[in-house]
Amino acid sequence: MEAIITITEAAAMQIKDMMKHNDEEGAILRVAVHGGGCSGLSYGMGFTHEVEEKDIELTLQDIPVVIDAESAPILKGTVIDYKQSLMGGGFTIENPNAIASCGCGSSFRTAQNAGKPEEC
């Protein structure tokens, strides 16, 4: 089965480092899509120790990952990367399903799901 999302090696290294330095070893990375933001949907990434009944469980780059069933179709084909620049570093999310995103880059919408836009 093809993974819903891909985590690059650079992103995996950063996630593992964050888990280690934030006492989150043994935690699970939760990736989700929530309603909100200028374009209607926004990404969520964080650590959890709970797996919900409808979660899809994956192991990517030796990192346990959960994605809720509602977010999975919206995230299909998404690549999570980590880029470093002179201004610092940050995660980037490339979602082939996103047809529009706001100027700040933190929210998006898809052809099937416009979400619930908020004013920026």
PDB file of N, CA and C in Angstrom:
ATOM      1  N   MET A   1       0.840  -1.194   0.000  1.00  0.00           N
ATOM      2  CA  MET A   1       0.000   0.000   0.000  1.00  0.00           C
ATOM      3  C   MET A   1       0.880   1.251   0.000  1.00  0.00           C
ATOM      4  N   GLU A   2       0.569   2.162  -0.882  1.00  0.00           N
ATOM      5  CA  GLU A   2       1.321   3.418  -0.965  1.00  0.00           C
ATOM      6  C   GLU A   2       1.012   4.287   0.252  1.00  0.00           C
ATOM      7  N   ALA A   3       2.070   4.892   0.798  1.00  0.00           N
ATOM      8  CA  ALA A   3       1.888   5.768   1.961  1.00  0.00           C
ATOM      9  C   ALA A   3       1.071   6.993   1.572  1.00  0.00           C
ATOM     10  N   ILE A   4       0.261   7.454   2.488  1.00  0.00           N
ATOM     11  CA  ILE A   4      -0.557   8.646   2.252  1.00  0.00           C
ATOM     12  C   ILE A   4       0.343   9.869   2.130  1.00  0.00           C
ATOM     13  N   ILE A   5       1.353   9.935   3.017  1.00  0.00           N
ATOM     14  CA  ILE A   5       2.309  11.040   2.990  1.00  0.00           C
ATOM     15  C   ILE A   5       3.717  10.480   2.893  1.00  0.00           C
ATOM     16  N   THR A   6       4.646  11.340   2.517  1.00  0.00           N
ATOM     17  CA  THR A   6       6.069  11.010   2.489  1.00  0.00           C
ATOM     18  C   THR A   6       6.789  11.997   3.389  1.00  0.00           C
ATOM     19  N   ILE A   7       7.704  11.512   4.182  1.00  0.00           N
ATOM     20  CA  ILE A   7       8.557  12.368   5.008  1.00  0.00           C
ATOM     21  C   ILE A   7       9.969  12.239   4.464  1.00  0.00           C
ATOM     22  N   THR A   8      10.560  13.353   4.040  1.00  0.00           N
ATOM     23  CA  THR A   8      11.910  13.304   3.496  1.00  0.00           C
ATOM     24  C   THR A   8      12.910  13.011   4.603  1.00  0.00           C
ATOM     25  N   GLU A   9      14.115  12.662   4.191  1.00  0.00           N
ATOM     26  CA  GLU A   9      15.172  12.369   5.164  1.00  0.00           C
ATOM     27  C   GLU A   9      15.474  13.595   6.032  1.00  0.00           C
ATOM     28  N   ALA A  10      15.490  14.781   5.427  1.00  0.00           N
ATOM     29  CA  ALA A  10      15.761  16.017   6.192  1.00  0.00           C
ATOM     30  C   ALA A  10      14.667  16.261   7.231  1.00  0.00           C
ATOM     31  N   ALA A  11      13.408  16.053   6.850  1.00  0.00           N
ATOM     32  CA  ALA A  11      12.307  16.246   7.797  1.00  0.00           C
ATOM     33  C   ALA A  11      12.363  15.194   8.893  1.00  0.00           C
ATOM     34  N   ALA A  12      12.679  13.951   8.535  1.00  0.00           N
ATOM     35  CA  ALA A  12      12.769  12.881   9.526  1.00  0.00           C
ATOM     36  C   ALA A  12      13.845  13.182  10.559  1.00  0.00           C
ATOM     37  N   MET A  13      14.994  13.668  10.099  1.00  0.00           N
ATOM     38  CA  MET A  13      16.067  14.013  11.038  1.00  0.00           C
ATOM     39  C   MET A  13      15.606  15.094  12.010  1.00  0.00           C
ATOM     40  N   GLN A  14      14.901  16.090  11.514  1.00  0.00           N
ATOM     41  CA  GLN A  14      14.420  17.184  12.359  1.00  0.00           C
ATOM     42  C   GLN A  14      13.355  16.684  13.340  1.00  0.00           C
ATOM     43  N   ILE A  15      12.449  15.854  12.885  1.00  0.00           N
ATOM     44  CA  ILE A  15      11.395  15.307  13.756  1.00  0.00           C
ATOM     45  C   ILE A  15      12.017  14.474  14.866  1.00  0.00           C
ATOM     46  N   LYS A  16      12.963  13.608  14.506  1.00  0.00           N
ATOM     47  CA  LYS A  16      13.630  12.772  15.509  1.00  0.00           C
ATOM     48  C   LYS A  16      14.387  13.625  16.516  1.00  0.00           C
ATOM     49  N   ASP A  17      15.021  14.692  16.037  1.00  0.00           N
ATOM     50  CA  ASP A  17      15.742  15.603  16.928  1.00  0.00           C
ATOM     51  C   ASP A  17      14.769  16.297  17.886  1.00  0.00           C
ATOM     52  N   MET A  18      13.617  16.724  17.362  1.00  0.00           N
ATOM     53  CA  MET A  18      12.608  17.373  18.206  1.00  0.00           C
ATOM     54  C   MET A  18      12.068  16.405  19.253  1.00  0.00           C
ATOM     55  N   MET A  19      11.858  15.163  18.861  1.00  0.00           N
ATOM     56  CA  MET A  19      11.367  14.153  19.806  1.00  0.00           C
ATOM     57  C   MET A  19      12.378  13.949  20.939  1.00  0.00           C
ATOM     58  N   LYS A  20      13.638  13.902  20.555  1.00  0.00           N
ATOM     59  CA  LYS A  20      14.705  13.667  21.533  1.00  0.00           C
ATOM     60  C   LYS A  20      14.832  14.844  22.500  1.00  0.00           C
ATOM     61  N   HIS A  21      14.836  16.061  21.984  1.00  0.00           N
ATOM     62  CA  HIS A  21      15.070  17.251  22.810  1.00  0.00           C
ATOM     63  C   HIS A  21      13.840  17.725  23.573  1.00  0.00           C
ATOM     64  N   ASN A  22      12.671  17.255  23.201  1.00  0.00           N
ATOM     65  CA  ASN A  22      11.437  17.667  23.878  1.00  0.00           C
ATOM     66  C   ASN A  22      10.846  16.546  24.730  1.00  0.00           C
ATOM     67  N   ASP A  23      11.688  15.579  25.087  1.00  0.00           N
ATOM     68  CA  ASP A  23      11.234  14.442  25.895  1.00  0.00           C
ATOM     69  C   ASP A  23      10.006  13.782  25.292  1.00  0.00           C
ATOM     70  N   GLU A  24       9.994  13.640  23.990  1.00  0.00           N
ATOM     71  CA  GLU A  24       8.870  13.015  23.295  1.00  0.00           C
ATOM     72  C   GLU A  24       9.263  11.657  22.717  1.00  0.00           C
ATOM     73  N   GLU A  25      10.363  11.075  23.196  1.00  0.00           N
ATOM     74  CA  GLU A  25      10.751   9.759  22.699  1.00  0.00           C
ATOM     75  C   GLU A  25       9.632   8.773  23.020  1.00  0.00           C
ATOM     76  N   GLY A  26       9.312   7.929  22.066  1.00  0.00           N
ATOM     77  CA  GLY A  26       8.199   7.007  22.231  1.00  0.00           C
ATOM     78  C   GLY A  26       6.870   7.600  21.789  1.00  0.00           C
ATOM     79  N   ALA A  27       6.885   8.870  21.391  1.00  0.00           N
ATOM     80  CA  ALA A  27       5.654   9.525  20.941  1.00  0.00           C
ATOM     81  C   ALA A  27       5.381   9.170  19.480  1.00  0.00           C
ATOM     82  N   ILE A  28       4.211   9.529  19.039  1.00  0.00           N
ATOM     83  CA  ILE A  28       3.755   9.313  17.668  1.00  0.00           C
ATOM     84  C   ILE A  28       3.544  10.687  17.033  1.00  0.00           C
ATOM     85  N   LEU A  29       3.971  10.834  15.778  1.00  0.00           N
ATOM     86  CA  LEU A  29       3.735  12.080  15.053  1.00  0.00           C
ATOM     87  C   LEU A  29       2.325  12.049  14.488  1.00  0.00           C
ATOM     88  N   ARG A  30       1.512  13.033  14.851  1.00  0.00           N
ATOM     89  CA  ARG A  30       0.156  13.142  14.311  1.00  0.00           C
ATOM     90  C   ARG A  30       0.168  14.234  13.234  1.00  0.00           C
ATOM     91  N   VAL A  31      -0.268  13.870  12.027  1.00  0.00           N
ATOM     92  CA  VAL A  31      -0.394  14.805  10.913  1.00  0.00           C
ATOM     93  C   VAL A  31      -1.877  14.891  10.592  1.00  0.00           C
ATOM     94  N   ALA A  32      -2.395  16.127  10.504  1.00  0.00           N
ATOM     95  CA  ALA A  32      -3.825  16.300  10.292  1.00  0.00           C
ATOM     96  C   ALA A  32      -4.114  17.548   9.478  1.00  0.00           C
ATOM     97  N   VAL A  33      -5.351  17.645   9.050  1.00  0.00           N
ATOM     98  CA  VAL A  33      -5.860  18.834   8.377  1.00  0.00           C
ATOM     99  C   VAL A  33      -7.036  19.331   9.211  1.00  0.00           C
ATOM    100  N   HIS A  34      -7.054  20.633   9.481  1.00  0.00           N
ATOM    101  CA  HIS A  34      -8.118  21.248  10.270  1.00  0.00           C
ATOM    102  C   HIS A  34      -8.773  22.351   9.448  1.00  0.00           C
ATOM    103  N   GLY A  35     -10.022  22.657   9.744  1.00  0.00           N
ATOM    104  CA  GLY A  35     -10.689  23.793   9.126  1.00  0.00           C
ATOM    105  C   GLY A  35     -10.121  25.083   9.691  1.00  0.00           C
ATOM    106  N   GLY A  36      -9.985  26.099   8.850  1.00  0.00           N
ATOM    107  CA  GLY A  36      -9.502  27.394   9.309  1.00  0.00           C
ATOM    108  C   GLY A  36      -8.451  27.970   8.374  1.00  0.00           C
ATOM    109  N   GLY A  37      -7.930  29.115   8.741  1.00  0.00           N
ATOM    110  CA  GLY A  37      -6.960  29.803   7.903  1.00  0.00           C
ATOM    111  C   GLY A  37      -7.651  30.588   6.802  1.00  0.00           C
ATOM    112  N   CYS A  38      -6.904  31.384   6.101  1.00  0.00           N
ATOM    113  CA  CYS A  38      -7.453  32.254   5.053  1.00  0.00           C
ATOM    114  C   CYS A  38      -8.123  31.467   3.930  1.00  0.00           C
ATOM    115  N   SER A  39      -7.534  30.322   3.564  1.00  0.00           N
ATOM    116  CA  SER A  39      -8.051  29.560   2.426  1.00  0.00           C
ATOM    117  C   SER A  39      -9.010  28.454   2.829  1.00  0.00           C
ATOM    118  N   GLY A  40      -9.173  28.195   4.123  1.00  0.00           N
ATOM    119  CA  GLY A  40     -10.185  27.244   4.563  1.00  0.00           C
ATOM    120  C   GLY A  40      -9.681  26.018   5.281  1.00  0.00           C
ATOM    121  N   LEU A  41      -8.463  25.555   4.978  1.00  0.00           N
ATOM    122  CA  LEU A  41      -7.889  24.379   5.626  1.00  0.00           C
ATOM    123  C   LEU A  41      -6.477  24.704   6.077  1.00  0.00           C
ATOM    124  N   SER A  42      -6.041  24.092   7.172  1.00  0.00           N
ATOM    125  CA  SER A  42      -4.663  24.281   7.613  1.00  0.00           C
ATOM    126  C   SER A  42      -4.108  22.947   8.095  1.00  0.00           C
ATOM    127  N   TYR A  43      -2.792  22.830   8.045  1.00  0.00           N
ATOM    128  CA  TYR A  43      -2.112  21.610   8.453  1.00  0.00           C
ATOM    129  C   TYR A  43      -1.838  21.640   9.946  1.00  0.00           C
ATOM    130  N   GLY A  44      -1.809  20.460  10.534  1.00  0.00           N
ATOM    131  CA  GLY A  44      -1.417  20.325  11.924  1.00  0.00           C
ATOM    132  C   GLY A  44      -0.418  19.183  12.046  1.00  0.00           C
ATOM    133  N   MET A  45       0.659  19.430  12.785  1.00  0.00           N
ATOM    134  CA  MET A  45       1.647  18.394  13.076  1.00  0.00           C
ATOM    135  C   MET A  45       2.016  18.525  14.537  1.00  0.00           C
ATOM    136  N   GLY A  46       2.023  17.423  15.246  1.00  0.00           N
ATOM    137  CA  GLY A  46       2.393  17.458  16.650  1.00  0.00           C
ATOM    138  C   GLY A  46       2.596  16.049  17.160  1.00  0.00           C
ATOM    139  N   PHE A  47       3.045  15.951  18.395  1.00  0.00           N
ATOM    140  CA  PHE A  47       3.299  14.647  18.993  1.00  0.00           C
ATOM    141  C   PHE A  47       2.142  14.232  19.880  1.00  0.00           C
ATOM    142  N   THR A  48       1.878  12.945  19.893  1.00  0.00           N
ATOM    143  CA  THR A  48       0.816  12.383  20.716  1.00  0.00           C
ATOM    144  C   THR A  48       1.268  11.032  21.249  1.00  0.00           C
ATOM    145  N   HIS A  49       0.584  10.566  22.248  1.00  0.00           N
ATOM    146  CA  HIS A  49       0.802   9.207  22.751  1.00  0.00           C
ATOM    147  C   HIS A  49      -0.475   8.395  22.610  1.00  0.00           C
ATOM    148  N   GLU A  50      -1.479   8.988  21.937  1.00  0.00           N
ATOM    149  CA  GLU A  50      -2.789   8.356  21.783  1.00  0.00           C
ATOM    150  C   GLU A  50      -3.071   8.042  20.313  1.00  0.00           C
ATOM    151  N   VAL A  51      -3.608   6.869  20.073  1.00  0.00           N
ATOM    152  CA  VAL A  51      -4.075   6.489  18.745  1.00  0.00           C
ATOM    153  C   VAL A  51      -5.587   6.337  18.842  1.00  0.00           C
ATOM    154  N   GLU A  52      -6.292   7.083  18.017  1.00  0.00           N
ATOM    155  CA  GLU A  52      -7.754   7.037  18.012  1.00  0.00           C
ATOM    156  C   GLU A  52      -8.226   5.862  17.153  1.00  0.00           C
ATOM    157  N   GLU A  53      -9.474   5.451  17.358  1.00  0.00           N
ATOM    158  CA  GLU A  53     -10.034   4.288  16.669  1.00  0.00           C
ATOM    159  C   GLU A  53      -9.969   4.399  15.149  1.00  0.00           C
ATOM    160  N   LYS A  54     -10.225   5.599  14.600  1.00  0.00           N
ATOM    161  CA  LYS A  54     -10.264   5.768  13.141  1.00  0.00           C
ATOM    162  C   LYS A  54      -8.940   6.261  12.559  1.00  0.00           C
ATOM    163  N   ASP A  55      -7.871   6.272  13.354  1.00  0.00           N
ATOM    164  CA  ASP A  55      -6.565   6.703  12.858  1.00  0.00           C
ATOM    165  C   ASP A  55      -5.951   5.656  11.935  1.00  0.00           C
ATOM    166  N   ILE A  56      -5.218   6.143  10.964  1.00  0.00           N
ATOM    167  CA  ILE A  56      -4.429   5.285  10.089  1.00  0.00           C
ATOM    168  C   ILE A  56      -3.003   5.352  10.625  1.00  0.00           C
ATOM    169  N   GLU A  57      -2.430   4.192  10.922  1.00  0.00           N
ATOM    170  CA  GLU A  57      -1.096   4.138  11.495  1.00  0.00           C
ATOM    171  C   GLU A  57      -0.075   3.776  10.423  1.00  0.00           C
ATOM    172  N   LEU A  58       1.013   4.547  10.385  1.00  0.00           N
ATOM    173  CA  LEU A  58       2.100   4.339   9.430  1.00  0.00           C
ATOM    174  C   LEU A  58       3.431   4.388  10.169  1.00  0.00           C
ATOM    175  N   THR A  59       4.464   3.851   9.545  1.00  0.00           N
ATOM    176  CA  THR A  59       5.825   4.061  10.013  1.00  0.00           C
ATOM    177  C   THR A  59       6.591   4.603   8.816  1.00  0.00           C
ATOM    178  N   LEU A  60       7.084   5.835   8.935  1.00  0.00           N
ATOM    179  CA  LEU A  60       7.807   6.502   7.847  1.00  0.00           C
ATOM    180  C   LEU A  60       9.157   6.956   8.372  1.00  0.00           C
ATOM    181  N   GLN A  61      10.227   6.550   7.716  1.00  0.00           N
ATOM    182  CA  GLN A  61      11.582   6.919   8.135  1.00  0.00           C
ATOM    183  C   GLN A  61      11.818   6.532   9.606  1.00  0.00           C
ATOM    184  N   ASP A  62      11.287   5.381  10.007  1.00  0.00           N
ATOM    185  CA  ASP A  62      11.393   4.882  11.390  1.00  0.00           C
ATOM    186  C   ASP A  62      10.661   5.765  12.400  1.00  0.00           C
ATOM    187  N   ILE A  63       9.708   6.548  11.932  1.00  0.00           N
ATOM    188  CA  ILE A  63       8.903   7.405  12.812  1.00  0.00           C
ATOM    189  C   ILE A  63       7.472   6.881  12.787  1.00  0.00           C
ATOM    190  N   PRO A  64       6.900   6.577  13.967  1.00  0.00           N
ATOM    191  CA  PRO A  64       5.488   6.205  13.979  1.00  0.00           C
ATOM    192  C   PRO A  64       4.623   7.433  13.691  1.00  0.00           C
ATOM    193  N   VAL A  65       3.672   7.290  12.766  1.00  0.00           N
ATOM    194  CA  VAL A  65       2.832   8.399  12.313  1.00  0.00           C
ATOM    195  C   VAL A  65       1.376   7.958  12.353  1.00  0.00           C
ATOM    196  N   VAL A  66       0.490   8.866  12.776  1.00  0.00           N
ATOM    197  CA  VAL A  66      -0.954   8.622  12.670  1.00  0.00           C
ATOM    198  C   VAL A  66      -1.596   9.773  11.908  1.00  0.00           C
ATOM    199  N   ILE A  67      -2.597   9.399  11.111  1.00  0.00           N
ATOM    200  CA  ILE A  67      -3.376  10.365  10.339  1.00  0.00           C
ATOM    201  C   ILE A  67      -4.837   9.990  10.536  1.00  0.00           C
ATOM    202  N   ASP A  68      -5.669  10.961  10.885  1.00  0.00           N
ATOM    203  CA  ASP A  68      -7.079  10.632  11.065  1.00  0.00           C
ATOM    204  C   ASP A  68      -7.715  10.352   9.706  1.00  0.00           C
ATOM    205  N   ALA A  69      -8.753   9.534   9.715  1.00  0.00           N
ATOM    206  CA  ALA A  69      -9.391   9.076   8.485  1.00  0.00           C
ATOM    207  C   ALA A  69      -9.934  10.219   7.630  1.00  0.00           C
ATOM    208  N   GLU A  70     -10.381  11.319   8.245  1.00  0.00           N
ATOM    209  CA  GLU A  70     -10.917  12.447   7.478  1.00  0.00           C
ATOM    210  C   GLU A  70      -9.815  13.219   6.764  1.00  0.00           C
ATOM    211  N   SER A  71      -8.622  13.285   7.373  1.00  0.00           N
ATOM    212  CA  SER A  71      -7.510  14.019   6.766  1.00  0.00           C
ATOM    213  C   SER A  71      -6.827  13.226   5.656  1.00  0.00           C
ATOM    214  N   ALA A  72      -6.884  11.909   5.727  1.00  0.00           N
ATOM    215  CA  ALA A  72      -6.139  11.053   4.799  1.00  0.00           C
ATOM    216  C   ALA A  72      -6.367  11.372   3.321  1.00  0.00           C
ATOM    217  N   PRO A  73      -7.615  11.483   2.836  1.00  0.00           N
ATOM    218  CA  PRO A  73      -7.788  11.758   1.405  1.00  0.00           C
ATOM    219  C   PRO A  73      -7.260  13.144   0.995  1.00  0.00           C
ATOM    220  N   ILE A  74      -7.320  14.091   1.905  1.00  0.00           N
ATOM    221  CA  ILE A  74      -6.834  15.441   1.608  1.00  0.00           C
ATOM    222  C   ILE A  74      -5.306  15.461   1.546  1.00  0.00           C
ATOM    223  N   LEU A  75      -4.661  14.586   2.328  1.00  0.00           N
ATOM    224  CA  LEU A  75      -3.206  14.542   2.399  1.00  0.00           C
ATOM    225  C   LEU A  75      -2.566  13.589   1.397  1.00  0.00           C
ATOM    226  N   LYS A  76      -3.350  12.796   0.693  1.00  0.00           N
ATOM    227  CA  LYS A  76      -2.792  11.772  -0.204  1.00  0.00           C
ATOM    228  C   LYS A  76      -1.783  12.377  -1.185  1.00  0.00           C
ATOM    229  N   GLY A  77      -0.562  11.844  -1.150  1.00  0.00           N
ATOM    230  CA  GLY A  77       0.499  12.314  -2.040  1.00  0.00           C
ATOM    231  C   GLY A  77       1.327  13.453  -1.476  1.00  0.00           C
ATOM    232  N   THR A  78       1.040  13.904  -0.254  1.00  0.00           N
ATOM    233  CA  THR A  78       1.735  15.034   0.364  1.00  0.00           C
ATOM    234  C   THR A  78       3.161  14.658   0.761  1.00  0.00           C
ATOM    235  N   VAL A  79       4.086  15.590   0.551  1.00  0.00           N
ATOM    236  CA  VAL A  79       5.482  15.415   0.944  1.00  0.00           C
ATOM    237  C   VAL A  79       5.816  16.452   2.015  1.00  0.00           C
ATOM    238  N   ILE A  80       6.301  15.966   3.154  1.00  0.00           N
ATOM    239  CA  ILE A  80       6.745  16.840   4.241  1.00  0.00           C
ATOM    240  C   ILE A  80       8.264  16.883   4.203  1.00  0.00           C
ATOM    241  N   ASP A  81       8.799  18.086   4.104  1.00  0.00           N
ATOM    242  CA  ASP A  81      10.248  18.287   4.008  1.00  0.00           C
ATOM    243  C   ASP A  81      10.666  19.297   5.067  1.00  0.00           C
ATOM    244  N   TYR A  82      11.956  19.417   5.273  1.00  0.00           N
ATOM    245  CA  TYR A  82      12.500  20.432   6.181  1.00  0.00           C
ATOM    246  C   TYR A  82      13.593  21.156   5.420  1.00  0.00           C
ATOM    247  N   LYS A  83      13.474  22.477   5.359  1.00  0.00           N
ATOM    248  CA  LYS A  83      14.447  23.290   4.628  1.00  0.00           C
ATOM    249  C   LYS A  83      15.127  24.253   5.577  1.00  0.00           C
ATOM    250  N   GLN A  84      16.425  24.384   5.414  1.00  0.00           N
ATOM    251  CA  GLN A  84      17.240  25.294   6.220  1.00  0.00           C
ATOM    252  C   GLN A  84      17.677  26.453   5.333  1.00  0.00           C
ATOM    253  N   SER A  85      17.609  27.683   5.860  1.00  0.00           N
ATOM    254  CA  SER A  85      18.067  28.851   5.117  1.00  0.00           C
ATOM    255  C   SER A  85      18.763  29.798   6.085  1.00  0.00           C
ATOM    256  N   LEU A  86      19.226  30.919   5.583  1.00  0.00           N
ATOM    257  CA  LEU A  86      19.878  31.914   6.433  1.00  0.00           C
ATOM    258  C   LEU A  86      18.918  32.474   7.477  1.00  0.00           C
ATOM    259  N   MET A  87      17.631  32.427   7.190  1.00  0.00           N
ATOM    260  CA  MET A  87      16.608  32.952   8.109  1.00  0.00           C
ATOM    261  C   MET A  87      16.177  31.907   9.137  1.00  0.00           C
ATOM    262  N   GLY A  88      16.739  30.716   9.057  1.00  0.00           N
ATOM    263  CA  GLY A  88      16.351  29.646   9.962  1.00  0.00           C
ATOM    264  C   GLY A  88      15.810  28.476   9.174  1.00  0.00           C
ATOM    265  N   GLY A  89      15.141  27.567   9.852  1.00  0.00           N
ATOM    266  CA  GLY A  89      14.620  26.392   9.185  1.00  0.00           C
ATOM    267  C   GLY A  89      13.144  26.239   9.442  1.00  0.00           C
ATOM    268  N   GLY A  90      12.534  25.396   8.653  1.00  0.00           N
ATOM    269  CA  GLY A  90      11.111  25.134   8.848  1.00  0.00           C
ATOM    270  C   GLY A  90      10.633  24.004   7.964  1.00  0.00           C
ATOM    271  N   PHE A  91       9.516  23.426   8.364  1.00  0.00           N
ATOM    272  CA  PHE A  91       8.918  22.365   7.592  1.00  0.00           C
ATOM    273  C   PHE A  91       8.175  22.958   6.402  1.00  0.00           C
ATOM    274  N   THR A  92       8.242  22.257   5.280  1.00  0.00           N
ATOM    275  CA  THR A  92       7.458  22.622   4.103  1.00  0.00           C
ATOM    276  C   THR A  92       6.538  21.446   3.782  1.00  0.00           C
ATOM    277  N   ILE A  93       5.357  21.758   3.320  1.00  0.00           N
ATOM    278  CA  ILE A  93       4.381  20.730   2.983  1.00  0.00           C
ATOM    279  C   ILE A  93       3.934  20.958   1.552  1.00  0.00           C
ATOM    280  N   GLU A  94       4.201  19.972   0.705  1.00  0.00           N
ATOM    281  CA  GLU A  94       3.786  20.036  -0.698  1.00  0.00           C
ATOM    282  C   GLU A  94       2.642  19.061  -0.883  1.00  0.00           C
ATOM    283  N   ASN A  95       1.452  19.610  -1.099  1.00  0.00           N
ATOM    284  CA  ASN A  95       0.251  18.801  -1.235  1.00  0.00           C
ATOM    285  C   ASN A  95      -0.283  18.935  -2.660  1.00  0.00           C
ATOM    286  N   PRO A  96      -0.248  17.849  -3.435  1.00  0.00           N
ATOM    287  CA  PRO A  96      -0.726  17.931  -4.815  1.00  0.00           C
ATOM    288  C   PRO A  96      -2.232  18.182  -4.916  1.00  0.00           C
ATOM    289  N   ASN A  97      -2.959  18.017  -3.809  1.00  0.00           N
ATOM    290  CA  ASN A  97      -4.408  18.226  -3.815  1.00  0.00           C
ATOM    291  C   ASN A  97      -4.795  19.681  -3.590  1.00  0.00           C
ATOM    292  N   ALA A  98      -3.854  20.507  -3.138  1.00  0.00           N
ATOM    293  CA  ALA A  98      -4.147  21.915  -2.864  1.00  0.00           C
ATOM    294  C   ALA A  98      -4.268  22.672  -4.179  1.00  0.00           C
ATOM    295  N   ILE A  99      -5.397  23.355  -4.371  1.00  0.00           N
ATOM    296  CA  ILE A  99      -5.593  24.127  -5.602  1.00  0.00           C
ATOM    297  C   ILE A  99      -5.426  25.621  -5.354  1.00  0.00           C
ATOM    298  N   ALA A 100      -5.421  26.022  -4.086  1.00  0.00           N
ATOM    299  CA  ALA A 100      -5.228  27.426  -3.739  1.00  0.00           C
ATOM    300  C   ALA A 100      -4.668  27.498  -2.339  1.00  0.00           C
ATOM    301  N   SER A 101      -3.826  28.494  -2.103  1.00  0.00           N
ATOM    302  CA  SER A 101      -3.315  28.721  -0.754  1.00  0.00           C
ATOM    303  C   SER A 101      -3.247  30.218  -0.516  1.00  0.00           C
ATOM    304  N   CYS A 102      -3.199  30.600   0.751  1.00  0.00           N
ATOM    305  CA  CYS A 102      -3.179  32.027   1.069  1.00  0.00           C
ATOM    306  C   CYS A 102      -1.743  32.553   0.964  1.00  0.00           C
ATOM    307  N   GLY A 103      -1.601  33.856   1.002  1.00  0.00           N
ATOM    308  CA  GLY A 103      -0.304  34.500   0.870  1.00  0.00           C
ATOM    309  C   GLY A 103       0.683  34.095   1.947  1.00  0.00           C
ATOM    310  N   CYS A 104       0.210  33.820   3.139  1.00  0.00           N
ATOM    311  CA  CYS A 104       1.115  33.443   4.223  1.00  0.00           C
ATOM    312  C   CYS A 104       1.544  31.985   4.096  1.00  0.00           C
ATOM    313  N   GLY A 105       0.882  31.208   3.229  1.00  0.00           N
ATOM    314  CA  GLY A 105       1.284  29.833   2.986  1.00  0.00           C
ATOM    315  C   GLY A 105       0.867  28.836   4.049  1.00  0.00           C
ATOM    316  N   SER A 106       0.101  29.263   5.032  1.00  0.00           N
ATOM    317  CA  SER A 106      -0.254  28.343   6.110  1.00  0.00           C
ATOM    318  C   SER A 106      -1.619  27.695   5.930  1.00  0.00           C
ATOM    319  N   SER A 107      -2.367  28.098   4.924  1.00  0.00           N
ATOM    320  CA  SER A 107      -3.654  27.456   4.700  1.00  0.00           C
ATOM    321  C   SER A 107      -3.862  27.215   3.209  1.00  0.00           C
ATOM    322  N   PHE A 108      -4.824  26.347   2.917  1.00  0.00           N
ATOM    323  CA  PHE A 108      -5.054  25.928   1.531  1.00  0.00           C
ATOM    324  C   PHE A 108      -6.487  25.437   1.388  1.00  0.00           C
ATOM    325  N   ARG A 109      -6.861  25.091   0.163  1.00  0.00           N
ATOM    326  CA  ARG A 109      -8.129  24.409  -0.086  1.00  0.00           C
ATOM    327  C   ARG A 109      -7.917  23.442  -1.233  1.00  0.00           C
ATOM    328  N   THR A 110      -8.801  22.479  -1.317  1.00  0.00           N
ATOM    329  CA  THR A 110      -8.731  21.497  -2.393  1.00  0.00           C
ATOM    330  C   THR A 110      -9.993  21.624  -3.244  1.00  0.00           C
ATOM    331  N   ALA A 111     -10.002  20.945  -4.371  1.00  0.00           N
ATOM    332  CA  ALA A 111     -11.180  20.997  -5.247  1.00  0.00           C
ATOM    333  C   ALA A 111     -12.393  20.390  -4.554  1.00  0.00           C
ATOM    334  N   GLN A 112     -12.185  19.395  -3.701  1.00  0.00           N
ATOM    335  CA  GLN A 112     -13.293  18.726  -3.022  1.00  0.00           C
ATOM    336  C   GLN A 112     -13.609  19.313  -1.650  1.00  0.00           C
ATOM    337  N   ASN A 113     -12.686  20.091  -1.069  1.00  0.00           N
ATOM    338  CA  ASN A 113     -12.884  20.562   0.298  1.00  0.00           C
ATOM    339  C   ASN A 113     -12.386  21.999   0.442  1.00  0.00           C
ATOM    340  N   ALA A 114     -13.313  22.927   0.596  1.00  0.00           N
ATOM    341  CA  ALA A 114     -12.955  24.341   0.761  1.00  0.00           C
ATOM    342  C   ALA A 114     -12.702  24.685   2.213  1.00  0.00           C
ATOM    343  N   GLY A 115     -13.052  23.798   3.147  1.00  0.00           N
ATOM    344  CA  GLY A 115     -12.827  24.072   4.568  1.00  0.00           C
ATOM    345  C   GLY A 115     -13.703  25.188   5.064  1.00  0.00           C
ATOM    346  N   LYS A 116     -13.207  25.889   6.096  1.00  0.00           N
ATOM    347  CA  LYS A 116     -13.926  26.996   6.706  1.00  0.00           C
ATOM    348  C   LYS A 116     -12.990  28.197   6.787  1.00  0.00           C
ATOM    349  N   PRO A 117     -12.953  29.025   5.747  1.00  0.00           N
ATOM    350  CA  PRO A 117     -12.028  30.154   5.732  1.00  0.00           C
ATOM    351  C   PRO A 117     -12.291  31.143   6.866  1.00  0.00           C
ATOM    352  N   GLU A 118     -11.186  31.707   7.362  1.00  0.00           N
ATOM    353  CA  GLU A 118     -11.216  32.780   8.355  1.00  0.00           C
ATOM    354  C   GLU A 118     -10.534  33.976   7.733  1.00  0.00           C
ATOM    355  N   GLU A 119     -10.739  35.147   8.316  1.00  0.00           N
ATOM    356  CA  GLU A 119     -10.039  36.326   7.833  1.00  0.00           C
ATOM    357  C   GLU A 119      -8.604  36.293   8.340  1.00  0.00           C
ATOM    358  N   CYS A 120      -7.660  36.653   7.459  1.00  0.00           N
ATOM    359  CA  CYS A 120      -6.241  36.714   7.846  1.00  0.00           C
ATOM    360  C   CYS A 120      -5.892  38.092   8.357  1.00  0.00           C
TER     361      CYS A 120
END
